[in-house]
Amino acid sequence: MSFRLKGAETACGTSVGAASTFGDSTDVRLFNSGSTNRLLTVADASDTTIGTMTLADGEVTFIRKDKTDQIFAAHAEILATPVIWS
């Protein structure tokens, strides 16, 4: 699994109003830096929820999304980095 960083790691916003497309990235690396399971939400450009998932404490995962889809989490402990697969 090889990828290139497309931007800086930042804390996810904690509401749909603070959600991010992470630079219109289609692939995003997510890391739960906390010690509690946290809910993650993907919403479309009109702020409608597409889906949710729980990230366990310390978990790392990747999400593929449309460029205009936005991500937010239940807590700023969820860190996200836009990536490009290589």
N, C-alpha and C. Protein backbone atom coordinates (compact mmCIF):
# COMPACT_ATOMS: atom_id res chain seq x y z
N MET A 1 0.85 -1.16 0.00
CA MET A 1 0.00 0.00 0.00
C MET A 1 0.90 1.23 0.00
N SER A 2 0.95 1.91 -1.12
CA SER A 2 1.83 3.07 -1.26
C SER A 2 1.01 4.28 -1.67
N PHE A 3 1.25 5.39 -0.99
CA PHE A 3 0.51 6.62 -1.30
C PHE A 3 1.42 7.82 -1.10
N ARG A 4 1.02 8.92 -1.72
CA ARG A 4 1.73 10.19 -1.56
C ARG A 4 0.81 11.15 -0.81
N LEU A 5 1.42 11.98 0.01
CA LEU A 5 0.66 12.99 0.73
C LEU A 5 0.27 14.11 -0.21
N LYS A 6 -0.96 14.55 -0.11
CA LYS A 6 -1.47 15.63 -0.96
C LYS A 6 -1.64 16.93 -0.16
N GLY A 7 -1.54 16.84 1.17
CA GLY A 7 -1.70 18.00 2.02
C GLY A 7 -1.35 17.66 3.45
N ALA A 8 -1.53 18.63 4.33
CA ALA A 8 -1.19 18.47 5.74
C ALA A 8 -2.27 17.71 6.50
N GLU A 9 -1.84 17.00 7.53
CA GLU A 9 -2.79 16.34 8.43
C GLU A 9 -3.47 17.41 9.29
N THR A 10 -4.80 17.33 9.36
CA THR A 10 -5.56 18.29 10.15
C THR A 10 -6.66 17.56 10.90
N ALA A 11 -7.10 18.17 11.98
CA ALA A 11 -8.22 17.62 12.75
C ALA A 11 -9.50 17.79 11.95
N CYS A 12 -10.35 16.79 11.97
CA CYS A 12 -11.65 16.89 11.31
C CYS A 12 -12.53 17.89 12.06
N GLY A 13 -13.36 18.59 11.31
CA GLY A 13 -14.38 19.42 11.92
C GLY A 13 -15.36 18.52 12.66
N THR A 14 -16.12 19.11 13.58
CA THR A 14 -17.01 18.31 14.42
C THR A 14 -18.49 18.53 14.12
N SER A 15 -18.77 19.15 12.97
CA SER A 15 -20.16 19.31 12.52
C SER A 15 -20.15 19.41 11.00
N VAL A 16 -21.30 19.24 10.38
CA VAL A 16 -21.36 19.33 8.92
C VAL A 16 -20.97 20.74 8.46
N GLY A 17 -21.25 21.74 9.27
CA GLY A 17 -20.85 23.10 8.92
C GLY A 17 -19.35 23.32 8.94
N ALA A 18 -18.63 22.48 9.67
CA ALA A 18 -17.17 22.56 9.75
C ALA A 18 -16.49 21.43 8.98
N ALA A 19 -17.27 20.68 8.19
CA ALA A 19 -16.72 19.56 7.43
C ALA A 19 -15.77 20.05 6.34
N SER A 20 -14.94 19.15 5.84
CA SER A 20 -13.95 19.51 4.83
C SER A 20 -13.92 18.49 3.69
N THR A 21 -13.62 18.99 2.50
CA THR A 21 -13.37 18.11 1.36
C THR A 21 -11.90 17.69 1.31
N PHE A 22 -11.10 18.26 2.20
CA PHE A 22 -9.66 18.02 2.25
C PHE A 22 -9.01 18.28 0.89
N GLY A 23 -9.23 19.52 0.42
CA GLY A 23 -8.63 19.95 -0.84
C GLY A 23 -9.21 19.25 -2.04
N ASP A 24 -10.50 18.90 -1.97
CA ASP A 24 -11.16 18.18 -3.05
C ASP A 24 -10.50 16.83 -3.35
N SER A 25 -9.90 16.26 -2.33
CA SER A 25 -9.24 14.96 -2.47
C SER A 25 -10.28 13.85 -2.60
N THR A 26 -9.98 12.84 -3.40
CA THR A 26 -10.87 11.69 -3.51
C THR A 26 -10.47 10.56 -2.56
N ASP A 27 -9.26 10.64 -2.02
CA ASP A 27 -8.78 9.63 -1.07
C ASP A 27 -8.24 10.34 0.17
N VAL A 28 -8.70 9.90 1.34
CA VAL A 28 -8.32 10.54 2.60
C VAL A 28 -7.91 9.47 3.60
N ARG A 29 -6.75 9.68 4.23
CA ARG A 29 -6.28 8.81 5.32
C ARG A 29 -6.83 9.38 6.62
N LEU A 30 -7.39 8.52 7.46
CA LEU A 30 -7.99 8.94 8.72
C LEU A 30 -7.34 8.19 9.87
N PHE A 31 -7.10 8.90 10.98
CA PHE A 31 -6.47 8.32 12.15
C PHE A 31 -7.20 8.81 13.39
N ASN A 32 -7.62 7.88 14.24
CA ASN A 32 -8.22 8.23 15.52
C ASN A 32 -7.10 8.32 16.54
N SER A 33 -6.70 9.55 16.87
CA SER A 33 -5.58 9.76 17.80
C SER A 33 -6.00 9.64 19.26
N GLY A 34 -7.27 9.43 19.52
CA GLY A 34 -7.77 9.35 20.89
C GLY A 34 -7.82 7.94 21.43
N SER A 35 -8.36 7.83 22.63
CA SER A 35 -8.47 6.53 23.29
C SER A 35 -9.93 6.06 23.39
N THR A 36 -10.80 6.70 22.59
CA THR A 36 -12.22 6.38 22.57
C THR A 36 -12.66 6.16 21.12
N ASN A 37 -13.56 5.22 20.89
CA ASN A 37 -14.14 5.06 19.55
C ASN A 37 -14.87 6.35 19.17
N ARG A 38 -14.76 6.75 17.90
CA ARG A 38 -15.37 8.00 17.44
C ARG A 38 -16.11 7.77 16.13
N LEU A 39 -17.26 8.45 15.99
CA LEU A 39 -18.07 8.37 14.78
C LEU A 39 -17.53 9.33 13.73
N LEU A 40 -17.48 8.87 12.50
CA LEU A 40 -17.04 9.66 11.35
C LEU A 40 -18.20 9.72 10.36
N THR A 41 -18.42 10.89 9.76
CA THR A 41 -19.52 11.07 8.82
C THR A 41 -19.01 11.63 7.51
N VAL A 42 -19.53 11.09 6.40
CA VAL A 42 -19.28 11.64 5.06
C VAL A 42 -20.60 12.22 4.57
N ALA A 43 -20.55 13.46 4.12
CA ALA A 43 -21.73 14.16 3.62
C ALA A 43 -21.46 14.68 2.22
N ASP A 44 -22.52 14.84 1.43
CA ASP A 44 -22.33 15.38 0.09
C ASP A 44 -22.27 16.91 0.15
N ALA A 45 -22.16 17.53 -1.02
CA ALA A 45 -22.01 18.99 -1.10
C ALA A 45 -23.21 19.75 -0.57
N SER A 46 -24.37 19.11 -0.51
CA SER A 46 -25.57 19.76 0.03
C SER A 46 -25.78 19.41 1.50
N ASP A 47 -24.74 18.90 2.16
CA ASP A 47 -24.74 18.58 3.59
C ASP A 47 -25.64 17.40 3.97
N THR A 48 -25.99 16.56 3.00
CA THR A 48 -26.77 15.36 3.27
C THR A 48 -25.82 14.21 3.60
N THR A 49 -26.08 13.53 4.70
CA THR A 49 -25.21 12.42 5.10
C THR A 49 -25.27 11.29 4.08
N ILE A 50 -24.10 10.87 3.64
CA ILE A 50 -23.96 9.71 2.75
C ILE A 50 -23.80 8.45 3.58
N GLY A 51 -23.00 8.54 4.63
CA GLY A 51 -22.77 7.39 5.48
C GLY A 51 -21.94 7.74 6.70
N THR A 52 -21.94 6.82 7.65
CA THR A 52 -21.16 6.98 8.87
C THR A 52 -20.42 5.69 9.18
N MET A 53 -19.38 5.82 9.98
CA MET A 53 -18.64 4.65 10.46
C MET A 53 -17.95 5.02 11.76
N THR A 54 -17.61 4.02 12.53
CA THR A 54 -16.89 4.24 13.78
C THR A 54 -15.43 3.87 13.60
N LEU A 55 -14.56 4.77 14.07
CA LEU A 55 -13.12 4.48 14.09
C LEU A 55 -12.74 4.13 15.52
N ALA A 56 -12.16 2.96 15.71
CA ALA A 56 -11.70 2.54 17.03
C ALA A 56 -10.50 3.38 17.45
N ASP A 57 -10.25 3.43 18.75
CA ASP A 57 -9.09 4.19 19.22
C ASP A 57 -7.82 3.66 18.58
N GLY A 58 -7.00 4.57 18.04
CA GLY A 58 -5.75 4.20 17.39
C GLY A 58 -5.90 3.68 15.97
N GLU A 59 -7.12 3.56 15.47
CA GLU A 59 -7.34 2.98 14.14
C GLU A 59 -6.93 3.94 13.03
N VAL A 60 -6.38 3.37 11.96
CA VAL A 60 -6.08 4.09 10.72
C VAL A 60 -6.88 3.44 9.61
N THR A 61 -7.53 4.26 8.79
CA THR A 61 -8.27 3.74 7.64
C THR A 61 -8.21 4.77 6.52
N PHE A 62 -8.66 4.37 5.36
CA PHE A 62 -8.71 5.25 4.19
C PHE A 62 -10.14 5.27 3.66
N ILE A 63 -10.56 6.43 3.18
CA ILE A 63 -11.88 6.56 2.57
C ILE A 63 -11.70 7.12 1.17
N ARG A 64 -12.41 6.51 0.22
CA ARG A 64 -12.50 7.05 -1.14
C ARG A 64 -13.84 7.75 -1.24
N LYS A 65 -13.84 8.97 -1.74
CA LYS A 65 -15.05 9.78 -1.81
C LYS A 65 -15.02 10.61 -3.07
N ASP A 66 -16.15 11.22 -3.41
CA ASP A 66 -16.17 12.18 -4.51
C ASP A 66 -15.47 13.45 -4.07
N LYS A 67 -14.96 14.21 -5.04
CA LYS A 67 -14.20 15.43 -4.73
C LYS A 67 -14.98 16.41 -3.87
N THR A 68 -16.29 16.50 -4.08
CA THR A 68 -17.09 17.48 -3.34
C THR A 68 -17.67 16.94 -2.03
N ASP A 69 -17.49 15.64 -1.77
CA ASP A 69 -17.96 15.08 -0.50
C ASP A 69 -17.09 15.61 0.64
N GLN A 70 -17.71 15.76 1.81
CA GLN A 70 -17.04 16.33 2.96
C GLN A 70 -17.04 15.35 4.12
N ILE A 71 -16.04 15.49 4.96
CA ILE A 71 -15.88 14.60 6.11
C ILE A 71 -15.90 15.42 7.39
N PHE A 72 -16.62 14.91 8.40
CA PHE A 72 -16.51 15.46 9.75
C PHE A 72 -16.62 14.32 10.75
N ALA A 73 -16.25 14.59 12.00
CA ALA A 73 -16.20 13.54 13.02
C ALA A 73 -16.83 14.03 14.31
N ALA A 74 -17.10 13.09 15.20
CA ALA A 74 -17.70 13.42 16.49
C ALA A 74 -16.72 14.11 17.42
N HIS A 75 -15.43 14.08 17.09
CA HIS A 75 -14.42 14.70 17.94
C HIS A 75 -13.21 15.07 17.08
N ALA A 76 -12.52 16.13 17.46
CA ALA A 76 -11.34 16.58 16.71
C ALA A 76 -10.14 15.65 16.87
N GLU A 77 -10.28 14.58 17.65
CA GLU A 77 -9.21 13.58 17.74
C GLU A 77 -9.06 12.81 16.43
N ILE A 78 -10.05 12.88 15.56
CA ILE A 78 -9.94 12.23 14.24
C ILE A 78 -9.13 13.17 13.34
N LEU A 79 -7.99 12.68 12.89
CA LEU A 79 -7.09 13.45 12.05
C LEU A 79 -7.17 12.92 10.62
N ALA A 80 -7.13 13.82 9.65
CA ALA A 80 -7.28 13.42 8.25
C ALA A 80 -6.18 14.03 7.40
N THR A 81 -5.74 13.26 6.42
CA THR A 81 -4.72 13.69 5.48
C THR A 81 -5.16 13.32 4.07
N PRO A 82 -5.24 14.29 3.15
CA PRO A 82 -5.54 13.93 1.76
C PRO A 82 -4.33 13.20 1.15
N VAL A 83 -4.61 12.13 0.42
CA VAL A 83 -3.54 11.32 -0.18
C VAL A 83 -3.86 10.99 -1.64
N ILE A 84 -2.83 10.57 -2.33
CA ILE A 84 -2.95 10.06 -3.70
C ILE A 84 -2.27 8.70 -3.73
N TRP A 85 -2.97 7.68 -4.20
CA TRP A 85 -2.38 6.35 -4.29
C TRP A 85 -1.37 6.33 -5.42
N SER A 86 -0.25 5.67 -5.18
CA SER A 86 0.79 5.59 -6.21
C SER A 86 1.20 4.16 -6.48
